Amino acid sequence: MTEAPAQPLRVGAIGVGVHATTSILPNLPAAGMVLAATCARHIDRAEAAAARFGAGSAFEAPSSWSHPTSSRA
């Protein structure tokens, strides 16, 4: 049997939409993880998820993530 780590694994969530907030983030503690930070395209969504799930930090994704400057040929 594998021993549990002394401290839970700290993870960050990039994207806090419906699937993340209803299926993934609520189950992190059962998997031995704690949410340390959130990131979303809109800071208000990142902050709301951080507050709801106890993350210490929230970040807004750079606009370049959703608007690529180059196209594939």
PDB file of N, CA and C in Angstrom:
ATOM      1  N   MET A   1       0.843  -1.177   0.000  1.00  0.00           N
ATOM      2  CA  MET A   1       0.000   0.000   0.000  1.00  0.00           C
ATOM      3  C   MET A   1       0.887   1.238   0.000  1.00  0.00           C
ATOM      4  N   THR A   2       0.540   2.229  -0.781  1.00  0.00           N
ATOM      5  CA  THR A   2       1.313   3.461  -0.890  1.00  0.00           C
ATOM      6  C   THR A   2       0.900   4.426   0.216  1.00  0.00           C
ATOM      7  N   GLU A   3       1.907   5.037   0.836  1.00  0.00           N
ATOM      8  CA  GLU A   3       1.621   6.019   1.887  1.00  0.00           C
ATOM      9  C   GLU A   3       1.185   7.339   1.272  1.00  0.00           C
ATOM     10  N   ALA A   4       0.285   8.014   1.962  1.00  0.00           N
ATOM     11  CA  ALA A   4      -0.147   9.338   1.521  1.00  0.00           C
ATOM     12  C   ALA A   4       0.985  10.328   1.757  1.00  0.00           C
ATOM     13  N   PRO A   5       1.136  11.318   0.889  1.00  0.00           N
ATOM     14  CA  PRO A   5       2.189  12.312   1.101  1.00  0.00           C
ATOM     15  C   PRO A   5       1.943  13.090   2.397  1.00  0.00           C
ATOM     16  N   ALA A   6       3.029  13.586   2.978  1.00  0.00           N
ATOM     17  CA  ALA A   6       2.920  14.351   4.226  1.00  0.00           C
ATOM     18  C   ALA A   6       2.038  15.582   4.038  1.00  0.00           C
ATOM     19  N   GLN A   7       2.150  16.207   2.886  1.00  0.00           N
ATOM     20  CA  GLN A   7       1.318  17.366   2.577  1.00  0.00           C
ATOM     21  C   GLN A   7       0.616  17.119   1.249  1.00  0.00           C
ATOM     22  N   PRO A   8      -0.614  17.595   1.118  1.00  0.00           N
ATOM     23  CA  PRO A   8      -1.328  17.368  -0.138  1.00  0.00           C
ATOM     24  C   PRO A   8      -0.657  18.089  -1.306  1.00  0.00           C
ATOM     25  N   LEU A   9      -0.829  17.541  -2.479  1.00  0.00           N
ATOM     26  CA  LEU A   9      -0.302  18.135  -3.697  1.00  0.00           C
ATOM     27  C   LEU A   9      -1.078  19.409  -4.002  1.00  0.00           C
ATOM     28  N   ARG A  10      -0.358  20.512  -4.226  1.00  0.00           N
ATOM     29  CA  ARG A  10      -0.988  21.793  -4.568  1.00  0.00           C
ATOM     30  C   ARG A  10      -1.094  21.877  -6.085  1.00  0.00           C
ATOM     31  N   VAL A  11      -2.302  22.180  -6.575  1.00  0.00           N
ATOM     32  CA  VAL A  11      -2.532  22.250  -8.011  1.00  0.00           C
ATOM     33  C   VAL A  11      -3.199  23.567  -8.381  1.00  0.00           C
ATOM     34  N   GLY A  12      -3.090  23.924  -9.642  1.00  0.00           N
ATOM     35  CA  GLY A  12      -3.754  25.100 -10.168  1.00  0.00           C
ATOM     36  C   GLY A  12      -4.723  24.684 -11.259  1.00  0.00           C
ATOM     37  N   ALA A  13      -5.790  25.433 -11.420  1.00  0.00           N
ATOM     38  CA  ALA A  13      -6.789  25.144 -12.452  1.00  0.00           C
ATOM     39  C   ALA A  13      -6.759  26.234 -13.503  1.00  0.00           C
ATOM     40  N   ILE A  14      -6.536  25.831 -14.733  1.00  0.00           N
ATOM     41  CA  ILE A  14      -6.617  26.757 -15.861  1.00  0.00           C
ATOM     42  C   ILE A  14      -7.932  26.474 -16.548  1.00  0.00           C
ATOM     43  N   GLY A  15      -8.872  27.383 -16.353  1.00  0.00           N
ATOM     44  CA  GLY A  15     -10.228  27.186 -16.846  1.00  0.00           C
ATOM     45  C   GLY A  15     -11.126  26.734 -15.704  1.00  0.00           C
ATOM     46  N   VAL A  16     -12.139  27.508 -15.408  1.00  0.00           N
ATOM     47  CA  VAL A  16     -13.024  27.206 -14.280  1.00  0.00           C
ATOM     48  C   VAL A  16     -14.483  27.245 -14.712  1.00  0.00           C
ATOM     49  N   GLY A  17     -14.748  26.584 -15.823  1.00  0.00           N
ATOM     50  CA  GLY A  17     -16.109  26.518 -16.338  1.00  0.00           C
ATOM     51  C   GLY A  17     -16.946  25.491 -15.594  1.00  0.00           C
ATOM     52  N   VAL A  18     -18.071  25.144 -16.185  1.00  0.00           N
ATOM     53  CA  VAL A  18     -19.037  24.257 -15.548  1.00  0.00           C
ATOM     54  C   VAL A  18     -18.427  22.902 -15.197  1.00  0.00           C
ATOM     55  N   HIS A  19     -17.730  22.281 -16.115  1.00  0.00           N
ATOM     56  CA  HIS A  19     -17.157  20.959 -15.845  1.00  0.00           C
ATOM     57  C   HIS A  19     -16.158  21.017 -14.687  1.00  0.00           C
ATOM     58  N   ALA A  20     -15.296  22.009 -14.710  1.00  0.00           N
ATOM     59  CA  ALA A  20     -14.301  22.136 -13.642  1.00  0.00           C
ATOM     60  C   ALA A  20     -14.953  22.369 -12.293  1.00  0.00           C
ATOM     61  N   THR A  21     -15.941  23.259 -12.242  1.00  0.00           N
ATOM     62  CA  THR A  21     -16.518  23.627 -10.942  1.00  0.00           C
ATOM     63  C   THR A  21     -17.544  22.631 -10.417  1.00  0.00           C
ATOM     64  N   THR A  22     -18.042  21.754 -11.272  1.00  0.00           N
ATOM     65  CA  THR A  22     -19.009  20.763 -10.792  1.00  0.00           C
ATOM     66  C   THR A  22     -18.425  19.362 -10.663  1.00  0.00           C
ATOM     67  N   SER A  23     -17.383  19.048 -11.418  1.00  0.00           N
ATOM     68  CA  SER A  23     -16.852  17.690 -11.406  1.00  0.00           C
ATOM     69  C   SER A  23     -15.411  17.562 -10.927  1.00  0.00           C
ATOM     70  N   ILE A  24     -14.557  18.493 -11.333  1.00  0.00           N
ATOM     71  CA  ILE A  24     -13.131  18.343 -11.030  1.00  0.00           C
ATOM     72  C   ILE A  24     -12.755  18.973  -9.694  1.00  0.00           C
ATOM     73  N   LEU A  25     -12.971  20.257  -9.552  1.00  0.00           N
ATOM     74  CA  LEU A  25     -12.509  20.968  -8.353  1.00  0.00           C
ATOM     75  C   LEU A  25     -13.118  20.450  -7.048  1.00  0.00           C
ATOM     76  N   PRO A  26     -14.400  20.081  -7.013  1.00  0.00           N
ATOM     77  CA  PRO A  26     -14.948  19.567  -5.756  1.00  0.00           C
ATOM     78  C   PRO A  26     -14.308  18.240  -5.314  1.00  0.00           C
ATOM     79  N   ASN A  27     -13.709  17.514  -6.240  1.00  0.00           N
ATOM     80  CA  ASN A  27     -13.141  16.206  -5.935  1.00  0.00           C
ATOM     81  C   ASN A  27     -11.639  16.210  -5.672  1.00  0.00           C
ATOM     82  N   LEU A  28     -11.012  17.364  -5.741  1.00  0.00           N
ATOM     83  CA  LEU A  28      -9.572  17.421  -5.479  1.00  0.00           C
ATOM     84  C   LEU A  28      -9.201  16.907  -4.091  1.00  0.00           C
ATOM     85  N   PRO A  29      -9.905  17.300  -3.020  1.00  0.00           N
ATOM     86  CA  PRO A  29      -9.516  16.812  -1.690  1.00  0.00           C
ATOM     87  C   PRO A  29      -9.548  15.283  -1.571  1.00  0.00           C
ATOM     88  N   ALA A  30     -10.512  14.652  -2.193  1.00  0.00           N
ATOM     89  CA  ALA A  30     -10.596  13.185  -2.141  1.00  0.00           C
ATOM     90  C   ALA A  30      -9.407  12.528  -2.838  1.00  0.00           C
ATOM     91  N   ALA A  31      -8.791  13.256  -3.768  1.00  0.00           N
ATOM     92  CA  ALA A  31      -7.622  12.756  -4.486  1.00  0.00           C
ATOM     93  C   ALA A  31      -6.317  13.183  -3.814  1.00  0.00           C
ATOM     94  N   GLY A  32      -6.419  13.820  -2.646  1.00  0.00           N
ATOM     95  CA  GLY A  32      -5.223  14.248  -1.926  1.00  0.00           C
ATOM     96  C   GLY A  32      -4.605  15.531  -2.452  1.00  0.00           C
ATOM     97  N   MET A  33      -5.418  16.366  -3.073  1.00  0.00           N
ATOM     98  CA  MET A  33      -4.917  17.617  -3.649  1.00  0.00           C
ATOM     99  C   MET A  33      -5.654  18.812  -3.057  1.00  0.00           C
ATOM    100  N   VAL A  34      -4.988  19.965  -3.089  1.00  0.00           N
ATOM    101  CA  VAL A  34      -5.622  21.222  -2.704  1.00  0.00           C
ATOM    102  C   VAL A  34      -5.455  22.207  -3.855  1.00  0.00           C
ATOM    103  N   LEU A  35      -6.461  23.015  -4.056  1.00  0.00           N
ATOM    104  CA  LEU A  35      -6.417  24.016  -5.118  1.00  0.00           C
ATOM    105  C   LEU A  35      -5.639  25.226  -4.625  1.00  0.00           C
ATOM    106  N   ALA A  36      -4.543  25.537  -5.291  1.00  0.00           N
ATOM    107  CA  ALA A  36      -3.697  26.658  -4.895  1.00  0.00           C
ATOM    108  C   ALA A  36      -4.002  27.926  -5.689  1.00  0.00           C
ATOM    109  N   ALA A  37      -4.427  27.770  -6.948  1.00  0.00           N
ATOM    110  CA  ALA A  37      -4.654  28.942  -7.794  1.00  0.00           C
ATOM    111  C   ALA A  37      -5.632  28.601  -8.910  1.00  0.00           C
ATOM    112  N   THR A  38      -6.292  29.637  -9.415  1.00  0.00           N
ATOM    113  CA  THR A  38      -7.182  29.488 -10.558  1.00  0.00           C
ATOM    114  C   THR A  38      -6.800  30.495 -11.633  1.00  0.00           C
ATOM    115  N   CYS A  39      -7.161  30.176 -12.866  1.00  0.00           N
ATOM    116  CA  CYS A  39      -6.893  31.069 -13.987  1.00  0.00           C
ATOM    117  C   CYS A  39      -8.054  30.939 -14.968  1.00  0.00           C
ATOM    118  N   ALA A  40      -8.555  32.077 -15.426  1.00  0.00           N
ATOM    119  CA  ALA A  40      -9.658  32.081 -16.388  1.00  0.00           C
ATOM    120  C   ALA A  40      -9.537  33.293 -17.294  1.00  0.00           C
ATOM    121  N   ARG A  41     -10.273  33.286 -18.384  1.00  0.00           N
ATOM    122  CA  ARG A  41     -10.246  34.430 -19.296  1.00  0.00           C
ATOM    123  C   ARG A  41     -10.800  35.688 -18.656  1.00  0.00           C
ATOM    124  N   HIS A  42     -11.669  35.519 -17.676  1.00  0.00           N
ATOM    125  CA  HIS A  42     -12.262  36.659 -16.978  1.00  0.00           C
ATOM    126  C   HIS A  42     -11.903  36.557 -15.497  1.00  0.00           C
ATOM    127  N   ILE A  43     -11.250  37.568 -14.973  1.00  0.00           N
ATOM    128  CA  ILE A  43     -10.752  37.533 -13.599  1.00  0.00           C
ATOM    129  C   ILE A  43     -11.868  37.300 -12.589  1.00  0.00           C
ATOM    130  N   ASP A  44     -13.061  37.827 -12.850  1.00  0.00           N
ATOM    131  CA  ASP A  44     -14.149  37.623 -11.890  1.00  0.00           C
ATOM    132  C   ASP A  44     -14.501  36.147 -11.742  1.00  0.00           C
ATOM    133  N   ARG A  45     -14.407  35.374 -12.813  1.00  0.00           N
ATOM    134  CA  ARG A  45     -14.675  33.934 -12.744  1.00  0.00           C
ATOM    135  C   ARG A  45     -13.568  33.206 -12.000  1.00  0.00           C
ATOM    136  N   ALA A  46     -12.329  33.614 -12.246  1.00  0.00           N
ATOM    137  CA  ALA A  46     -11.206  33.007 -11.535  1.00  0.00           C
ATOM    138  C   ALA A  46     -11.300  33.296 -10.040  1.00  0.00           C
ATOM    139  N   GLU A  47     -11.651  34.519  -9.695  1.00  0.00           N
ATOM    140  CA  GLU A  47     -11.774  34.895  -8.285  1.00  0.00           C
ATOM    141  C   GLU A  47     -12.930  34.164  -7.605  1.00  0.00           C
ATOM    142  N   ALA A  48     -14.041  34.013  -8.313  1.00  0.00           N
ATOM    143  CA  ALA A  48     -15.196  33.318  -7.733  1.00  0.00           C
ATOM    144  C   ALA A  48     -14.863  31.852  -7.462  1.00  0.00           C
ATOM    145  N   ALA A  49     -14.205  31.205  -8.401  1.00  0.00           N
ATOM    146  CA  ALA A  49     -13.828  29.803  -8.196  1.00  0.00           C
ATOM    147  C   ALA A  49     -12.787  29.678  -7.083  1.00  0.00           C
ATOM    148  N   ALA A  50     -11.852  30.614  -7.030  1.00  0.00           N
ATOM    149  CA  ALA A  50     -10.844  30.583  -5.963  1.00  0.00           C
ATOM    150  C   ALA A  50     -11.511  30.703  -4.599  1.00  0.00           C
ATOM    151  N   ALA A  51     -12.462  31.605  -4.483  1.00  0.00           N
ATOM    152  CA  ALA A  51     -13.167  31.783  -3.209  1.00  0.00           C
ATOM    153  C   ALA A  51     -13.994  30.551  -2.861  1.00  0.00           C
ATOM    154  N   ARG A  52     -14.659  30.000  -3.834  1.00  0.00           N
ATOM    155  CA  ARG A  52     -15.529  28.833  -3.600  1.00  0.00           C
ATOM    156  C   ARG A  52     -14.758  27.595  -3.179  1.00  0.00           C
ATOM    157  N   PHE A  53     -13.552  27.396  -3.751  1.00  0.00           N
ATOM    158  CA  PHE A  53     -12.799  26.173  -3.495  1.00  0.00           C
ATOM    159  C   PHE A  53     -11.543  26.384  -2.655  1.00  0.00           C
ATOM    160  N   GLY A  54     -11.379  27.585  -2.098  1.00  0.00           N
ATOM    161  CA  GLY A  54     -10.299  27.831  -1.149  1.00  0.00           C
ATOM    162  C   GLY A  54      -8.925  28.074  -1.734  1.00  0.00           C
ATOM    163  N   ALA A  55      -8.842  28.460  -2.995  1.00  0.00           N
ATOM    164  CA  ALA A  55      -7.536  28.767  -3.588  1.00  0.00           C
ATOM    165  C   ALA A  55      -7.052  30.120  -3.095  1.00  0.00           C
ATOM    166  N   GLY A  56      -5.757  30.249  -2.931  1.00  0.00           N
ATOM    167  CA  GLY A  56      -5.189  31.493  -2.436  1.00  0.00           C
ATOM    168  C   GLY A  56      -4.948  32.543  -3.495  1.00  0.00           C
ATOM    169  N   SER A  57      -4.964  32.148  -4.769  1.00  0.00           N
ATOM    170  CA  SER A  57      -4.653  33.089  -5.850  1.00  0.00           C
ATOM    171  C   SER A  57      -5.597  32.887  -7.031  1.00  0.00           C
ATOM    172  N   ALA A  58      -5.840  33.975  -7.753  1.00  0.00           N
ATOM    173  CA  ALA A  58      -6.631  33.930  -8.975  1.00  0.00           C
ATOM    174  C   ALA A  58      -5.961  34.814 -10.018  1.00  0.00           C
ATOM    175  N   PHE A  59      -5.948  34.352 -11.251  1.00  0.00           N
ATOM    176  CA  PHE A  59      -5.275  35.074 -12.324  1.00  0.00           C
ATOM    177  C   PHE A  59      -6.158  35.142 -13.555  1.00  0.00           C
ATOM    178  N   GLU A  60      -5.977  36.210 -14.327  1.00  0.00           N
ATOM    179  CA  GLU A  60      -6.663  36.342 -15.613  1.00  0.00           C
ATOM    180  C   GLU A  60      -5.724  35.839 -16.695  1.00  0.00           C
ATOM    181  N   ALA A  61      -6.237  35.008 -17.584  1.00  0.00           N
ATOM    182  CA  ALA A  61      -5.424  34.475 -18.670  1.00  0.00           C
ATOM    183  C   ALA A  61      -5.062  35.590 -19.646  1.00  0.00           C
ATOM    184  N   PRO A  62      -3.847  35.548 -20.170  1.00  0.00           N
ATOM    185  CA  PRO A  62      -3.471  36.547 -21.178  1.00  0.00           C
ATOM    186  C   PRO A  62      -4.386  36.442 -22.392  1.00  0.00           C
ATOM    187  N   SER A  63      -4.718  37.559 -22.980  1.00  0.00           N
ATOM    188  CA  SER A  63      -5.614  37.550 -24.140  1.00  0.00           C
ATOM    189  C   SER A  63      -5.011  36.767 -25.297  1.00  0.00           C
ATOM    190  N   SER A  64      -3.698  36.643 -25.344  1.00  0.00           N
ATOM    191  CA  SER A  64      -3.057  35.904 -26.436  1.00  0.00           C
ATOM    192  C   SER A  64      -3.401  34.421 -26.407  1.00  0.00           C
ATOM    193  N   TRP A  65      -3.857  33.885 -25.259  1.00  0.00           N
ATOM    194  CA  TRP A  65      -4.240  32.478 -25.185  1.00  0.00           C
ATOM    195  C   TRP A  65      -5.480  32.201 -26.006  1.00  0.00           C
ATOM    196  N   SER A  66      -6.385  33.145 -26.070  1.00  0.00           N
ATOM    197  CA  SER A  66      -7.621  32.907 -26.794  1.00  0.00           C
ATOM    198  C   SER A  66      -7.632  33.536 -28.190  1.00  0.00           C
ATOM    199  N   HIS A  67      -6.607  34.298 -28.505  1.00  0.00           N
ATOM    200  CA  HIS A  67      -6.506  34.952 -29.817  1.00  0.00           C
ATOM    201  C   HIS A  67      -5.099  34.754 -30.374  1.00  0.00           C
ATOM    202  N   PRO A  68      -4.835  33.599 -30.974  1.00  0.00           N
ATOM    203  CA  PRO A  68      -3.484  33.362 -31.501  1.00  0.00           C
ATOM    204  C   PRO A  68      -3.096  34.382 -32.562  1.00  0.00           C
ATOM    205  N   THR A  69      -1.837  34.741 -32.561  1.00  0.00           N
ATOM    206  CA  THR A  69      -1.364  35.753 -33.509  1.00  0.00           C
ATOM    207  C   THR A  69      -0.874  35.144 -34.808  1.00  0.00           C
ATOM    208  N   SER A  70      -0.683  33.849 -34.845  1.00  0.00           N
ATOM    209  CA  SER A  70      -0.247  33.215 -36.086  1.00  0.00           C
ATOM    210  C   SER A  70      -1.198  32.079 -36.440  1.00  0.00           C
ATOM    211  N   SER A  71      -1.250  31.754 -37.710  1.00  0.00           N
ATOM    212  CA  SER A  71      -2.103  30.654 -38.147  1.00  0.00           C
ATOM    213  C   SER A  71      -1.224  29.552 -38.720  1.00  0.00           C
ATOM    214  N   ARG A  72      -1.746  28.345 -38.668  1.00  0.00           N
ATOM    215  CA  ARG A  72      -1.006  27.224 -39.227  1.00  0.00           C
ATOM    216  C   ARG A  72      -1.270  27.147 -40.726  1.00  0.00           C
ATOM    217  N   ALA A  73      -0.235  26.909 -41.459  1.00  0.00           N
ATOM    218  CA  ALA A  73      -0.368  26.829 -42.920  1.00  0.00           C
ATOM    219  C   ALA A  73      -0.625  25.416 -43.369  1.00  0.00           C
TER     220      ALA A  73
END
